[in-house]
Amino acid sequence: MLSEMKDWQEYNDEGFAVKYPGDVTINKSTPVEDFNVYKFICNGREILGAYVGNQPSFHQDVKSGRKLQRGHINKLSFEAVQDVNDKMTSRQVLISLNIDSGWPKYVHFWYSNLSQKEVEIAEGIINSIRNPLKK
């Protein structure tokens, strides 16, 4: 993993927090009232997208060459689907914020067609997620 991660900043918003490096900017939009969309931009290029809300469009169907993974990140359960071929890697990660009621319940991250360094940054952001309300 990135050794510089200790120098990353923390971003806190409704129901979640993540860490990110100084050369990444985060753009938040609220297309409608019940969810937010985030773009993580590095050197002018979007390297990671995120949906925060209660009804994500996470496609867990496993196609040829797709790997399904389940586990925990910082005590939050997740499901992930990854496509790997010779030209690109794309990944979707659905994280449950372990909220019984209310908003938001999920964070859905996605990325595709990144360089190895960009994948490391995107994965670092995803793996830093936490629910600031849960100890």
C-alpha atoms as a PDB file:
ATOM      1  CA  MET A   1       0.000   0.000   0.000  1.00  0.00           C
ATOM      2  CA  LEU A   2       1.025   3.607  -0.284  1.00  0.00           C
ATOM      3  CA  SER A   3       3.588   4.495   2.341  1.00  0.00           C
ATOM      4  CA  GLU A   4       2.586   8.173   2.190  1.00  0.00           C
ATOM      5  CA  MET A   5      -0.922   7.371   3.440  1.00  0.00           C
ATOM      6  CA  LYS A   6      -0.078   8.708   6.876  1.00  0.00           C
ATOM      7  CA  ASP A   7       0.087  12.178   5.287  1.00  0.00           C
ATOM      8  CA  TRP A   8      -3.388  11.895   3.754  1.00  0.00           C
ATOM      9  CA  GLN A   9      -6.185  14.258   4.754  1.00  0.00           C
ATOM     10  CA  GLU A  10      -9.568  13.161   6.071  1.00  0.00           C
ATOM     11  CA  TYR A  11     -12.859  14.009   4.377  1.00  0.00           C
ATOM     12  CA  ASN A  12     -15.992  13.766   6.550  1.00  0.00           C
ATOM     13  CA  ASP A  13     -19.512  13.938   5.243  1.00  0.00           C
ATOM     14  CA  GLU A  14     -22.928  12.552   6.106  1.00  0.00           C
ATOM     15  CA  GLY A  15     -22.473   8.996   7.410  1.00  0.00           C
ATOM     16  CA  PHE A  16     -18.906   8.319   6.239  1.00  0.00           C
ATOM     17  CA  ALA A  17     -15.311   9.504   6.302  1.00  0.00           C
ATOM     18  CA  VAL A  18     -12.388   8.685   3.993  1.00  0.00           C
ATOM     19  CA  LYS A  19      -8.751   9.662   3.706  1.00  0.00           C
ATOM     20  CA  TYR A  20      -7.242  10.997   0.485  1.00  0.00           C
ATOM     21  CA  PRO A  21      -3.912  12.412  -0.701  1.00  0.00           C
ATOM     22  CA  GLY A  22      -3.364  16.149  -1.122  1.00  0.00           C
ATOM     23  CA  ASP A  23      -3.266  15.963  -4.924  1.00  0.00           C
ATOM     24  CA  VAL A  24      -6.843  14.592  -5.038  1.00  0.00           C
ATOM     25  CA  THR A  25      -9.840  16.905  -5.038  1.00  0.00           C
ATOM     26  CA  ILE A  26     -13.341  15.785  -4.132  1.00  0.00           C
ATOM     27  CA  ASN A  27     -16.366  17.149  -5.960  1.00  0.00           C
ATOM     28  CA  LYS A  28     -19.767  16.503  -4.395  1.00  0.00           C
ATOM     29  CA  SER A  29     -23.099  16.834  -6.181  1.00  0.00           C
ATOM     30  CA  THR A  30     -26.654  16.135  -5.110  1.00  0.00           C
ATOM     31  CA  PRO A  31     -28.639  15.322  -8.259  1.00  0.00           C
ATOM     32  CA  VAL A  32     -31.782  14.659  -6.196  1.00  0.00           C
ATOM     33  CA  GLU A  33     -32.561  14.890  -2.500  1.00  0.00           C
ATOM     34  CA  ASP A  34     -32.007  11.245  -1.542  1.00  0.00           C
ATOM     35  CA  PHE A  35     -28.386  10.655  -2.607  1.00  0.00           C
ATOM     36  CA  ASN A  36     -25.016  12.308  -3.182  1.00  0.00           C
ATOM     37  CA  VAL A  37     -22.421  11.591  -5.869  1.00  0.00           C
ATOM     38  CA  TYR A  38     -18.709  12.183  -5.312  1.00  0.00           C
ATOM     39  CA  LYS A  39     -15.899  12.420  -7.853  1.00  0.00           C
ATOM     40  CA  PHE A  40     -12.306  11.957  -6.688  1.00  0.00           C
ATOM     41  CA  ILE A  41     -10.088  13.776  -9.175  1.00  0.00           C
ATOM     42  CA  CYS A  42      -6.306  13.441  -9.476  1.00  0.00           C
ATOM     43  CA  ASN A  43      -4.327  15.482 -12.012  1.00  0.00           C
ATOM     44  CA  GLY A  44      -7.522  16.529 -13.785  1.00  0.00           C
ATOM     45  CA  ARG A  45      -8.792  12.961 -14.192  1.00  0.00           C
ATOM     46  CA  GLU A  46     -11.581  11.222 -12.269  1.00  0.00           C
ATOM     47  CA  ILE A  47     -10.052   8.168 -10.630  1.00  0.00           C
ATOM     48  CA  LEU A  48     -12.905   7.180  -8.335  1.00  0.00           C
ATOM     49  CA  GLY A  49     -16.642   7.749  -8.155  1.00  0.00           C
ATOM     50  CA  ALA A  50     -18.935   7.209  -5.196  1.00  0.00           C
ATOM     51  CA  TYR A  51     -22.670   7.121  -4.590  1.00  0.00           C
ATOM     52  CA  VAL A  52     -23.923   7.699  -1.028  1.00  0.00           C
ATOM     53  CA  GLY A  53     -27.543   6.875  -0.275  1.00  0.00           C
ATOM     54  CA  ASN A  54     -29.996   4.077   0.363  1.00  0.00           C
ATOM     55  CA  GLN A  55     -30.604   2.556  -3.094  1.00  0.00           C
ATOM     56  CA  PRO A  56     -27.325   1.939  -4.925  1.00  0.00           C
ATOM     57  CA  SER A  57     -27.114   0.406  -8.413  1.00  0.00           C
ATOM     58  CA  PHE A  58     -24.579  -2.248  -7.516  1.00  0.00           C
ATOM     59  CA  HIS A  59     -24.402  -5.093 -10.023  1.00  0.00           C
ATOM     60  CA  GLN A  60     -23.078  -8.184  -8.285  1.00  0.00           C
ATOM     61  CA  ASP A  61     -23.748 -10.596 -11.144  1.00  0.00           C
ATOM     62  CA  VAL A  62     -20.634 -12.609 -11.781  1.00  0.00           C
ATOM     63  CA  LYS A  63     -19.816 -12.829 -15.464  1.00  0.00           C
ATOM     64  CA  SER A  64     -16.934 -14.626 -17.110  1.00  0.00           C
ATOM     65  CA  GLY A  65     -13.724 -13.148 -15.748  1.00  0.00           C
ATOM     66  CA  ARG A  66     -15.473 -11.325 -12.911  1.00  0.00           C
ATOM     67  CA  LYS A  67     -14.579 -11.981  -9.293  1.00  0.00           C
ATOM     68  CA  LEU A  68     -17.032 -11.496  -6.397  1.00  0.00           C
ATOM     69  CA  GLN A  69     -15.540 -10.725  -3.018  1.00  0.00           C
ATOM     70  CA  ARG A  70     -17.142 -10.200   0.397  1.00  0.00           C
ATOM     71  CA  GLY A  71     -15.541  -9.040   3.609  1.00  0.00           C
ATOM     72  CA  HIS A  72     -15.058  -6.142   5.999  1.00  0.00           C
ATOM     73  CA  ILE A  73     -13.267  -2.817   5.813  1.00  0.00           C
ATOM     74  CA  ASN A  74     -12.852  -1.099   9.175  1.00  0.00           C
ATOM     75  CA  LYS A  75     -15.755  -3.152  10.611  1.00  0.00           C
ATOM     76  CA  LEU A  76     -18.040  -2.243   7.676  1.00  0.00           C
ATOM     77  CA  SER A  77     -19.247  -5.110   5.487  1.00  0.00           C
ATOM     78  CA  PHE A  78     -18.686  -4.929   1.747  1.00  0.00           C
ATOM     79  CA  GLU A  79     -19.266  -6.747  -1.520  1.00  0.00           C
ATOM     80  CA  ALA A  80     -17.010  -6.099  -4.494  1.00  0.00           C
ATOM     81  CA  VAL A  81     -16.981  -7.084  -8.149  1.00  0.00           C
ATOM     82  CA  GLN A  82     -13.856  -6.791 -10.240  1.00  0.00           C
ATOM     83  CA  ASP A  83     -13.288  -7.133 -13.985  1.00  0.00           C
ATOM     84  CA  VAL A  84      -9.734  -7.840 -15.045  1.00  0.00           C
ATOM     85  CA  ASN A  85      -8.407  -8.238 -18.556  1.00  0.00           C
ATOM     86  CA  ASP A  86      -5.198  -7.382 -20.377  1.00  0.00           C
ATOM     87  CA  LYS A  87      -6.120  -3.742 -20.943  1.00  0.00           C
ATOM     88  CA  MET A  88      -7.897  -2.585 -17.808  1.00  0.00           C
ATOM     89  CA  THR A  89      -9.158  -3.237 -14.342  1.00  0.00           C
ATOM     90  CA  SER A  90     -12.521  -2.013 -13.164  1.00  0.00           C
ATOM     91  CA  ARG A  91     -13.990  -2.477  -9.728  1.00  0.00           C
ATOM     92  CA  GLN A  92     -17.182  -1.745  -7.859  1.00  0.00           C
ATOM     93  CA  VAL A  93     -17.363  -1.858  -4.074  1.00  0.00           C
ATOM     94  CA  LEU A  94     -20.610  -1.634  -2.100  1.00  0.00           C
ATOM     95  CA  ILE A  95     -20.113  -0.799   1.571  1.00  0.00           C
ATOM     96  CA  SER A  96     -22.849  -1.015   4.195  1.00  0.00           C
ATOM     97  CA  LEU A  97     -22.531   1.735   6.777  1.00  0.00           C
ATOM     98  CA  ASN A  98     -24.252  -0.511   9.353  1.00  0.00           C
ATOM     99  CA  ILE A  99     -27.049   1.960   9.990  1.00  0.00           C
ATOM    100  CA  ASP A 100     -30.316   0.258  10.978  1.00  0.00           C
ATOM    101  CA  SER A 101     -32.528   3.140   9.940  1.00  0.00           C
ATOM    102  CA  GLY A 102     -32.044   6.519   8.440  1.00  0.00           C
ATOM    103  CA  TRP A 103     -29.703   7.856   5.843  1.00  0.00           C
ATOM    104  CA  PRO A 104     -27.275   6.984   4.333  1.00  0.00           C
ATOM    105  CA  LYS A 105     -27.054   3.201   4.441  1.00  0.00           C
ATOM    106  CA  TYR A 106     -24.562   2.578   1.609  1.00  0.00           C
ATOM    107  CA  VAL A 107     -21.496   3.888  -0.139  1.00  0.00           C
ATOM    108  CA  HIS A 108     -20.981   2.496  -3.647  1.00  0.00           C
ATOM    109  CA  PHE A 109     -17.492   3.135  -5.088  1.00  0.00           C
ATOM    110  CA  TRP A 110     -16.399   2.447  -8.682  1.00  0.00           C
ATOM    111  CA  TYR A 111     -13.383   2.960 -10.929  1.00  0.00           C
ATOM    112  CA  SER A 112     -12.120   1.739 -14.280  1.00  0.00           C
ATOM    113  CA  ASN A 113      -9.213   1.985 -16.698  1.00  0.00           C
ATOM    114  CA  LEU A 114      -6.683   3.377 -14.222  1.00  0.00           C
ATOM    115  CA  SER A 115      -2.908   3.261 -14.086  1.00  0.00           C
ATOM    116  CA  GLN A 116      -1.367   1.150 -11.322  1.00  0.00           C
ATOM    117  CA  LYS A 117      -0.642   4.273  -9.251  1.00  0.00           C
ATOM    118  CA  GLU A 118      -4.232   5.479  -9.700  1.00  0.00           C
ATOM    119  CA  VAL A 119      -5.544   2.048  -8.637  1.00  0.00           C
ATOM    120  CA  GLU A 120      -3.404   2.260  -5.491  1.00  0.00           C
ATOM    121  CA  ILE A 121      -4.816   5.714  -4.679  1.00  0.00           C
ATOM    122  CA  ALA A 122      -8.420   4.626  -5.372  1.00  0.00           C
ATOM    123  CA  GLU A 123      -7.989   1.473  -3.272  1.00  0.00           C
ATOM    124  CA  GLY A 124      -6.362   3.521  -0.499  1.00  0.00           C
ATOM    125  CA  ILE A 125      -9.383   5.830  -0.407  1.00  0.00           C
ATOM    126  CA  ILE A 126     -11.835   2.898  -0.415  1.00  0.00           C
ATOM    127  CA  ASN A 127      -9.911   1.043   2.314  1.00  0.00           C
ATOM    128  CA  SER A 128      -9.812   4.122   4.539  1.00  0.00           C
ATOM    129  CA  ILE A 129     -13.613   4.378   4.780  1.00  0.00           C
ATOM    130  CA  ARG A 130     -15.191   4.446   8.182  1.00  0.00           C
ATOM    131  CA  ASN A 131     -18.472   5.403   9.749  1.00  0.00           C
ATOM    132  CA  PRO A 132     -17.575   8.335  12.005  1.00  0.00           C
ATOM    133  CA  LEU A 133     -20.634   7.626  14.165  1.00  0.00           C
ATOM    134  CA  LYS A 134     -19.559   4.045  14.965  1.00  0.00           C
ATOM    135  CA  LYS A 135     -16.653   3.365  17.306  1.00  0.00           C
END
